């Protein structure tokens, strides 16, 4: 309801009421809720989702009704699920990290950069827990042109985040600070692993393929023109054994270890995380590491070991 005050008219010197409008009096009911009766009735009968699970079901219904396509639904679901994920859920664990020692010679630096094909490397001094910075692979080119520089001068500050860091917050931090890699630490301040902006984005858009990746429907074992085979590191050991007609067990495994994937079996047999270009022979098969990612073998090149003819 409006209120009144008195003011003096300059012409007639008469006190006249001046109405001051109530700031809420101008609101009309229809402006507060423009939904029609039918819209209100429809929302009453079919209320909106009350949980993330219901929201995901709603997205599936939207796809079924051709409102959104499959890719859009998967990306939206990724965004929803990512809200509950932390850095610890998707990080590369510390034992699988590719690190560089600040005391290593330049040739060793260059060799590891080429072998692993990463663009960024955590650099440690003394103990692997003591990470002192991040080296960009492209910065090594500066040493070629200016030998007076040293590796320490090329290091960029390392970013540390706790395992509990939410992926939404981490993605925002990556974007705002223009960082692409962070070191993940556990509750005791020790290095738990590392995480990249690519690891976070893959939770939304799915795995970001590279030139070594093939579509899932093309199989995990397939032939190459030179009569060798390309085998995914995630392929089951039993499948590889059946495909090549061999019995796959580590030559010196007396502990009865049981491995699910060929990548895990070869890594155990070699005694370390394989690097690209490394070779290992097992059960008459020659395994050559074609590509690694996150410290795990993505692809092997497999061929029977050539036997020399008997005299």
Protein backbone atom coordinates (compact mmCIF):
# COMPACT_ATOMS: atom_id res chain seq x y z
CA UNK A 1 0.00 0.00 0.00
CA UNK A 2 1.31 3.50 -0.91
CA UNK A 3 1.95 6.27 1.66
CA UNK A 4 1.43 10.03 1.41
CA UNK A 5 3.38 13.14 2.35
CA UNK A 6 2.48 16.82 2.02
CA UNK A 7 4.14 19.25 -0.40
CA UNK A 8 3.51 22.96 -1.20
CA UNK A 9 2.42 23.94 -4.69
CA UNK A 10 4.46 27.00 -5.82
CA UNK A 11 1.52 28.40 -7.76
CA UNK A 12 -1.34 28.24 -5.23
CA UNK A 13 0.57 27.72 -1.97
CA UNK A 14 -1.73 24.86 -1.22
CA UNK A 15 -0.67 21.79 0.62
CA UNK A 16 -1.29 18.79 -1.64
CA UNK A 17 -0.66 15.11 -0.92
CA UNK A 18 2.15 13.42 -2.77
CA UNK A 19 1.89 9.67 -3.04
CA UNK A 20 5.08 7.65 -2.72
CA UNK A 21 4.64 4.26 -4.30
CA UNK A 22 5.40 1.13 -2.37
CA UNK A 23 8.32 -0.48 -4.17
CA UNK A 24 6.43 -3.75 -4.09
CA UNK A 25 3.06 -2.38 -5.17
CA UNK A 26 4.06 -2.27 -8.85
CA UNK A 27 4.60 -5.98 -9.01
CA UNK A 28 1.83 -7.81 -10.74
CA UNK A 29 1.05 -11.38 -9.91
CA UNK A 30 1.51 -12.44 -13.50
CA UNK A 31 5.06 -11.08 -13.50
CA UNK A 32 5.99 -13.20 -10.53
CA UNK A 33 4.93 -16.43 -12.20
CA UNK A 34 4.20 -16.36 -15.92
CA UNK A 35 3.53 -20.08 -16.15
CA UNK A 36 0.12 -21.00 -17.48
CA UNK A 37 -2.24 -23.24 -15.63
CA UNK A 38 -1.44 -26.12 -17.97
CA UNK A 39 2.30 -25.65 -17.37
CA UNK A 40 1.79 -25.67 -13.62
CA UNK A 41 -0.39 -28.77 -13.90
CA UNK A 42 2.20 -30.54 -16.06
CA UNK A 43 4.97 -29.73 -13.59
CA UNK A 44 2.80 -30.98 -10.74
CA UNK A 45 2.16 -34.28 -12.51
CA UNK A 46 5.75 -34.66 -13.77
CA UNK A 47 8.03 -32.83 -11.32
CA UNK A 48 11.66 -32.12 -12.23
CA UNK A 49 14.51 -34.38 -11.11
CA UNK A 50 15.33 -34.30 -7.42
CA UNK A 51 18.70 -36.07 -7.63
CA UNK A 52 21.63 -36.48 -9.99
CA UNK A 53 20.50 -40.00 -10.82
CA UNK A 54 17.08 -38.68 -11.85
CA UNK A 55 18.72 -35.91 -13.85
CA UNK A 56 20.79 -38.47 -15.75
CA UNK A 57 17.63 -40.47 -16.42
CA UNK A 58 16.01 -37.29 -17.73
CA UNK A 59 18.92 -36.79 -20.13
CA UNK A 60 18.46 -40.36 -21.37
CA UNK A 61 14.77 -39.62 -21.98
CA UNK A 62 15.73 -36.45 -23.84
CA UNK A 63 17.98 -38.51 -26.10
CA UNK A 64 15.20 -41.04 -26.69
CA UNK A 65 12.90 -38.17 -27.66
CA UNK A 66 15.57 -36.82 -30.05
CA UNK A 67 15.92 -33.58 -28.10
CA UNK A 68 19.68 -34.10 -27.72
CA UNK A 69 22.03 -36.51 -29.46
CA UNK A 70 24.10 -39.26 -27.90
CA UNK A 71 27.34 -37.26 -27.72
CA UNK A 72 25.63 -34.35 -26.01
CA UNK A 73 24.05 -36.68 -23.45
CA UNK A 74 27.38 -38.32 -22.64
CA UNK A 75 29.09 -34.96 -22.20
CA UNK A 76 26.33 -33.64 -19.95
CA UNK A 77 26.47 -36.81 -17.87
CA UNK A 78 30.23 -36.37 -17.62
CA UNK A 79 29.78 -32.85 -16.28
CA UNK A 80 27.27 -34.09 -13.68
CA UNK A 81 29.42 -37.00 -12.51
CA UNK A 82 32.57 -34.90 -12.45
CA UNK A 83 31.05 -32.76 -9.71
CA UNK A 84 31.55 -35.66 -7.29
CA UNK A 85 35.08 -36.58 -8.42
CA UNK A 86 38.41 -35.52 -6.97
CA UNK A 87 41.97 -35.30 -8.21
CA UNK A 88 42.74 -38.57 -6.46
CA UNK A 89 40.12 -40.36 -8.57
CA UNK A 90 41.76 -39.71 -11.95
CA UNK A 91 45.43 -38.94 -11.20
CA UNK A 92 48.39 -40.91 -12.53
CA UNK A 93 49.75 -42.69 -9.47
CA UNK A 94 53.25 -41.75 -8.28
CA UNK A 95 54.90 -45.08 -9.27
CA UNK A 96 53.75 -44.50 -12.86
CA UNK A 97 54.95 -40.91 -13.13
CA UNK A 98 57.71 -40.07 -15.61
CA UNK A 99 60.13 -37.84 -13.68
CA UNK A 100 63.41 -36.18 -14.60
CA UNK A 101 66.36 -35.73 -12.27
CA UNK A 102 67.85 -32.24 -12.20
CA UNK A 103 71.30 -33.84 -12.00
CA UNK A 104 70.86 -35.93 -15.16
CA UNK A 105 72.99 -34.96 -18.18
CA UNK A 106 71.35 -33.23 -21.10
CA UNK A 107 71.52 -36.30 -23.34
CA UNK A 108 69.56 -38.30 -20.76
CA UNK A 109 66.98 -35.54 -20.54
CA UNK A 110 66.60 -35.51 -24.29
CA UNK A 111 66.40 -39.29 -24.55
CA UNK A 112 63.63 -39.55 -21.95
CA UNK A 113 61.65 -36.70 -23.48
CA UNK A 114 61.76 -38.41 -26.87
CA UNK A 115 60.95 -41.85 -25.48
CA UNK A 116 57.95 -40.82 -23.39
CA UNK A 117 56.64 -38.13 -25.78
CA UNK A 118 55.21 -36.01 -22.96
CA UNK A 119 55.12 -32.23 -23.21
CA UNK A 120 55.70 -31.58 -19.48
CA UNK A 121 57.87 -33.33 -16.90
CA UNK A 122 58.09 -32.97 -13.12
CA UNK A 123 61.75 -32.50 -12.14
CA UNK A 124 63.11 -33.69 -8.82
CA UNK A 125 66.35 -33.12 -6.93
CA UNK A 126 67.85 -35.89 -4.83
CA UNK A 127 64.75 -37.78 -3.72
CA UNK A 128 61.82 -38.36 -6.10
CA UNK A 129 59.54 -36.81 -3.49
CA UNK A 130 61.43 -33.52 -3.78
CA UNK A 131 59.84 -32.08 -6.92
CA UNK A 132 61.36 -28.68 -7.62
CA UNK A 133 59.62 -27.65 -10.80
CA UNK A 134 58.12 -28.54 -14.17
CA UNK A 135 60.13 -28.75 -17.39
CA UNK A 136 58.46 -28.04 -20.72
CA UNK A 137 59.82 -30.32 -23.42
CA UNK A 138 59.93 -27.42 -25.88
CA UNK A 139 62.19 -25.46 -23.51
CA UNK A 140 64.98 -27.97 -24.15
CA UNK A 141 65.35 -26.37 -27.58
CA UNK A 142 66.54 -23.22 -25.83
CA UNK A 143 69.60 -25.10 -24.60
CA UNK A 144 70.56 -25.84 -28.18
CA UNK A 145 70.61 -22.15 -29.00
CA UNK A 146 71.94 -20.93 -25.66
CA UNK A 147 74.25 -23.54 -24.08
CA UNK A 148 75.07 -21.15 -21.24
CA UNK A 149 71.60 -21.81 -19.81
CA UNK A 150 71.02 -24.69 -17.44
CA UNK A 151 68.03 -26.91 -16.77
CA UNK A 152 67.28 -25.21 -13.44
CA UNK A 153 66.82 -21.87 -15.20
CA UNK A 154 64.19 -23.43 -17.49
CA UNK A 155 62.03 -24.88 -14.73
CA UNK A 156 58.56 -23.53 -14.16
CA UNK A 157 56.88 -23.54 -10.72
CA UNK A 158 55.16 -26.76 -9.78
CA UNK A 159 51.52 -26.61 -8.69
CA UNK A 160 50.52 -28.86 -5.79
CA UNK A 161 46.94 -29.89 -5.05
CA UNK A 162 45.49 -32.27 -2.44
CA UNK A 163 43.93 -35.59 -3.41
CA UNK A 164 40.58 -34.24 -2.20
CA UNK A 165 40.63 -31.34 -4.69
CA UNK A 166 37.34 -31.38 -6.63
CA UNK A 167 37.69 -31.69 -10.39
CA UNK A 168 35.39 -28.71 -10.98
CA UNK A 169 37.61 -26.50 -8.84
CA UNK A 170 40.76 -27.96 -10.39
CA UNK A 171 39.55 -27.29 -13.93
CA UNK A 172 38.80 -23.69 -12.94
CA UNK A 173 42.27 -23.40 -11.42
CA UNK A 174 43.90 -24.81 -14.55
CA UNK A 175 42.01 -22.30 -16.67
CA UNK A 176 42.62 -19.26 -14.47
CA UNK A 177 46.33 -19.95 -13.88
CA UNK A 178 47.02 -21.36 -17.34
CA UNK A 179 48.50 -24.51 -15.86
CA UNK A 180 48.19 -27.89 -17.53
CA UNK A 181 49.71 -30.12 -14.86
CA UNK A 182 49.55 -30.38 -11.09
CA UNK A 183 51.27 -32.61 -8.54
CA UNK A 184 48.80 -34.40 -6.28
CA UNK A 185 49.80 -34.82 -2.65
CA UNK A 186 48.25 -37.05 0.00
CA UNK A 187 47.17 -36.13 3.52
CA UNK A 188 50.75 -36.56 4.79
CA UNK A 189 52.20 -34.18 2.19
CA UNK A 190 53.79 -36.95 0.11
CA UNK A 191 53.54 -37.16 -3.66
CA UNK A 192 50.52 -39.29 -4.57
CA UNK A 193 50.59 -38.71 -8.31
CA UNK A 194 50.02 -36.11 -10.99
CA UNK A 195 47.03 -34.88 -12.93
CA UNK A 196 46.78 -32.93 -16.19
CA UNK A 197 44.08 -30.78 -17.69
CA UNK A 198 43.62 -33.53 -20.27
CA UNK A 199 42.80 -36.01 -17.49
CA UNK A 200 40.07 -33.67 -16.25
CA UNK A 201 38.60 -32.91 -19.68
CA UNK A 202 38.45 -36.60 -20.51
CA UNK A 203 35.88 -37.00 -17.73
CA UNK A 204 33.58 -34.81 -19.86
CA UNK A 205 34.41 -35.57 -23.47
CA UNK A 206 35.76 -39.10 -23.08
CA UNK A 207 39.27 -40.26 -23.88
CA UNK A 208 41.14 -37.82 -26.09
CA UNK A 209 42.54 -40.00 -28.83
CA UNK A 210 45.97 -39.57 -30.35
CA UNK A 211 47.66 -40.89 -33.47
CA UNK A 212 48.31 -44.24 -31.84
CA UNK A 213 44.71 -44.91 -30.87
CA UNK A 214 42.22 -46.90 -32.88
CA UNK A 215 38.48 -47.25 -32.48
CA UNK A 216 37.29 -49.77 -29.92
CA UNK A 217 35.35 -51.72 -32.52
CA UNK A 218 38.53 -52.40 -34.48
CA UNK A 219 39.66 -54.82 -31.81
CA UNK A 220 42.58 -55.09 -29.40
CA UNK A 221 44.69 -57.39 -31.61
CA UNK A 222 45.06 -56.76 -35.31
CA UNK A 223 47.53 -57.53 -38.05
CA UNK A 224 50.08 -55.19 -39.57
CA UNK A 225 51.38 -55.27 -43.14
CA UNK A 226 54.74 -56.77 -42.07
CA UNK A 227 52.88 -59.80 -40.63
CA UNK A 228 53.39 -58.65 -37.06
CA UNK A 229 50.51 -57.68 -34.76
CA UNK A 230 49.49 -54.66 -32.80
CA UNK A 231 48.23 -55.55 -29.32
CA UNK A 232 46.64 -53.24 -26.75
CA UNK A 233 48.29 -53.26 -23.34
CA UNK A 234 44.84 -53.74 -21.79
CA UNK A 235 44.23 -56.99 -23.67
CA UNK A 236 43.53 -59.96 -21.40
CA UNK A 237 46.47 -62.35 -21.04
CA UNK A 238 44.20 -65.30 -21.87
CA UNK A 239 43.13 -63.66 -25.13
CA UNK A 240 46.74 -63.03 -26.22
CA UNK A 241 47.71 -66.59 -25.31
CA UNK A 242 44.82 -67.97 -27.33
CA UNK A 243 45.45 -65.71 -30.32
CA UNK A 244 49.13 -66.69 -30.59
CA UNK A 245 48.79 -70.25 -29.36
CA UNK A 246 51.25 -69.88 -26.48
CA UNK A 247 51.30 -70.20 -22.70
CA UNK A 248 52.10 -66.83 -21.18
CA UNK A 249 53.74 -66.85 -17.74
CA UNK A 250 56.73 -64.89 -16.48
CA UNK A 251 59.88 -66.95 -16.87
CA UNK A 252 61.04 -66.34 -13.29
CA UNK A 253 57.71 -66.03 -11.51
CA UNK A 254 57.83 -68.39 -8.54
CA UNK A 255 55.26 -66.49 -6.49
CA UNK A 256 52.26 -67.53 -8.58
CA UNK A 257 51.25 -63.98 -9.57
CA UNK A 258 48.08 -63.74 -11.62
CA UNK A 259 47.88 -60.89 -14.14
CA UNK A 260 44.76 -59.75 -15.98
CA UNK A 261 46.35 -57.73 -18.80
CA UNK A 262 49.30 -58.33 -21.08
CA UNK A 263 50.67 -54.90 -20.13
CA UNK A 264 50.78 -55.84 -16.45
CA UNK A 265 52.36 -59.21 -17.24
CA UNK A 266 55.13 -57.73 -19.40
CA UNK A 267 55.85 -54.97 -16.87
CA UNK A 268 56.24 -57.60 -14.14
CA UNK A 269 58.46 -59.76 -16.31
CA UNK A 270 60.69 -56.77 -17.14
CA UNK A 271 60.84 -55.61 -13.54
CA UNK A 272 59.97 -51.98 -14.33
CA UNK A 273 57.45 -49.82 -16.16
CA UNK A 274 58.28 -50.29 -19.87
CA UNK A 275 59.26 -47.34 -21.99
CA UNK A 276 58.54 -46.81 -25.66
CA UNK A 277 60.98 -48.72 -27.83
CA UNK A 278 61.85 -51.30 -25.16
CA UNK A 279 61.68 -54.96 -26.14
CA UNK A 280 60.96 -58.12 -24.19
CA UNK A 281 60.74 -61.74 -25.27
CA UNK A 282 58.22 -64.03 -23.62
CA UNK A 283 56.90 -67.44 -24.66
CA UNK A 284 58.50 -67.20 -28.07
CA UNK A 285 56.96 -63.79 -28.77
CA UNK A 286 58.80 -60.51 -29.23
CA UNK A 287 56.99 -57.63 -27.50
CA UNK A 288 58.07 -54.12 -28.57
CA UNK A 289 56.54 -51.16 -26.75
CA UNK A 290 54.98 -48.82 -29.32
CA UNK A 291 53.28 -46.30 -27.09
CA UNK A 292 52.92 -45.56 -23.38
CA UNK A 293 50.59 -43.24 -21.55
CA UNK A 294 50.41 -42.40 -17.88
CA UNK A 295 53.14 -44.91 -17.14
CA UNK A 296 51.23 -47.82 -18.72
CA UNK A 297 51.76 -49.48 -22.09
CA UNK A 298 49.01 -48.61 -24.56
CA UNK A 299 50.28 -50.63 -27.53
CA UNK A 300 52.73 -53.43 -28.21
CA UNK A 301 54.04 -54.66 -31.52
CA UNK A 302 54.10 -58.45 -31.26
CA UNK A 303 55.75 -60.95 -33.57
CA UNK A 304 57.14 -64.49 -33.24
CA UNK A 305 60.85 -64.58 -32.33
CA UNK A 306 62.88 -65.31 -35.42
CA UNK A 307 64.66 -68.62 -35.06
CA UNK A 308 67.91 -69.27 -36.83
CA UNK A 309 67.84 -72.34 -39.12
CA UNK A 310 69.49 -75.46 -37.76
CA UNK A 311 72.80 -76.38 -39.42
